[in-house]
């Protein structure tokens, strides 16, 4: 539980959830990695953790995995955005 809790106080996972929430079109791992300025392998590792705790899901379309933000993930992203506004 503590490992999942610590995840949201790191910049990249928080930015990833916000990017997924703001995006109106389908997102891929490589797109997210570029948006949040990290390597593809780091993005995949974060996404796998987010999937394990039910914040995102993957939808395989051909050779590509599309990343979908779950309702729970959207709620978390909304709260992160609110916190970000308060501290800025």
Protein backbone atom coordinates (compact mmCIF):
# COMPACT_ATOMS: atom_id res chain seq x y z
CA UNK A 1 0.00 0.00 0.00
CA UNK A 2 2.73 2.49 0.89
CA UNK A 3 4.48 1.86 -2.44
CA UNK A 4 1.29 2.91 -4.29
CA UNK A 5 0.87 5.93 -2.01
CA UNK A 6 4.42 7.11 -2.75
CA UNK A 7 3.78 6.85 -6.49
CA UNK A 8 1.60 9.98 -6.51
CA UNK A 9 4.14 12.18 -4.89
CA UNK A 10 6.55 11.74 -7.76
CA UNK A 11 6.37 14.16 -10.66
CA UNK A 12 6.26 11.82 -13.67
CA UNK A 13 3.33 9.61 -12.60
CA UNK A 14 1.29 12.67 -11.64
CA UNK A 15 2.09 14.35 -14.96
CA UNK A 16 1.17 11.16 -16.80
CA UNK A 17 -2.29 10.99 -15.22
CA UNK A 18 -2.90 14.66 -16.00
CA UNK A 19 -1.75 14.18 -19.61
CA UNK A 20 -4.11 11.23 -20.02
CA UNK A 21 -6.98 13.23 -18.56
CA UNK A 22 -6.39 16.24 -20.81
CA UNK A 23 -5.97 14.24 -24.00
CA UNK A 24 -9.00 14.04 -26.26
CA UNK A 25 -7.52 11.38 -28.53
CA UNK A 26 -6.04 7.97 -27.95
CA UNK A 27 -2.64 7.91 -26.25
CA UNK A 28 0.26 5.54 -26.74
CA UNK A 29 3.19 4.89 -24.43
CA UNK A 30 5.66 6.68 -26.68
CA UNK A 31 3.42 9.77 -26.90
CA UNK A 32 3.10 9.95 -23.13
CA UNK A 33 6.84 9.52 -22.67
CA UNK A 34 7.46 12.54 -24.94
CA UNK A 35 4.76 14.62 -23.24
CA UNK A 36 6.17 14.13 -19.76
CA UNK A 37 9.80 14.12 -20.89
CA UNK A 38 10.92 10.65 -19.85
CA UNK A 39 12.20 7.55 -21.57
CA UNK A 40 9.79 5.07 -23.08
CA UNK A 41 10.93 2.32 -20.71
CA UNK A 42 10.32 4.55 -17.67
CA UNK A 43 6.86 5.47 -19.00
CA UNK A 44 6.00 1.79 -19.46
CA UNK A 45 7.10 0.99 -15.91
CA UNK A 46 4.91 3.78 -14.53
CA UNK A 47 1.96 2.68 -16.69
CA UNK A 48 2.27 -0.92 -15.52
CA UNK A 49 2.08 0.25 -11.90
CA UNK A 50 -0.90 2.48 -12.67
CA UNK A 51 -2.61 -0.47 -14.35
CA UNK A 52 -2.02 -2.74 -11.33
CA UNK A 53 -3.82 -0.32 -9.05
CA UNK A 54 -6.68 0.25 -11.49
CA UNK A 55 -6.02 3.79 -12.68
CA UNK A 56 -5.39 2.98 -16.35
CA UNK A 57 -6.14 0.15 -18.72
CA UNK A 58 -4.58 -0.99 -21.97
CA UNK A 59 -6.46 -1.76 -25.15
CA UNK A 60 -4.48 -3.61 -27.78
CA UNK A 61 -5.23 -2.51 -31.33
CA UNK A 62 -3.07 -4.45 -33.74
CA UNK A 63 0.51 -4.02 -32.58
CA UNK A 64 -0.21 -0.89 -30.57
CA UNK A 65 -1.50 -0.57 -27.01
CA UNK A 66 -3.83 2.34 -26.41
CA UNK A 67 -3.86 3.67 -22.86
CA UNK A 68 -7.22 4.51 -21.32
CA UNK A 69 -7.72 6.42 -18.10
CA UNK A 70 -10.11 4.62 -15.75
CA UNK A 71 -12.75 6.53 -13.77
CA UNK A 72 -10.63 6.11 -10.64
CA UNK A 73 -7.61 7.46 -12.54
CA UNK A 74 -9.56 10.48 -13.77
CA UNK A 75 -10.62 11.23 -10.19
CA UNK A 76 -7.01 11.04 -8.98
CA UNK A 77 -5.86 13.28 -11.88
CA UNK A 78 -8.53 15.84 -10.95
CA UNK A 79 -7.29 15.94 -7.37
CA UNK A 80 -3.66 16.24 -8.48
CA UNK A 81 -4.60 19.18 -10.71
CA UNK A 82 -6.38 20.84 -7.78
CA UNK A 83 -3.35 20.39 -5.53
CA UNK A 84 -1.08 21.71 -8.27
CA UNK A 85 -3.21 24.87 -8.56
CA UNK A 86 -3.06 25.44 -4.82
CA UNK A 87 0.72 25.23 -4.61
CA UNK A 88 1.50 27.25 -7.73
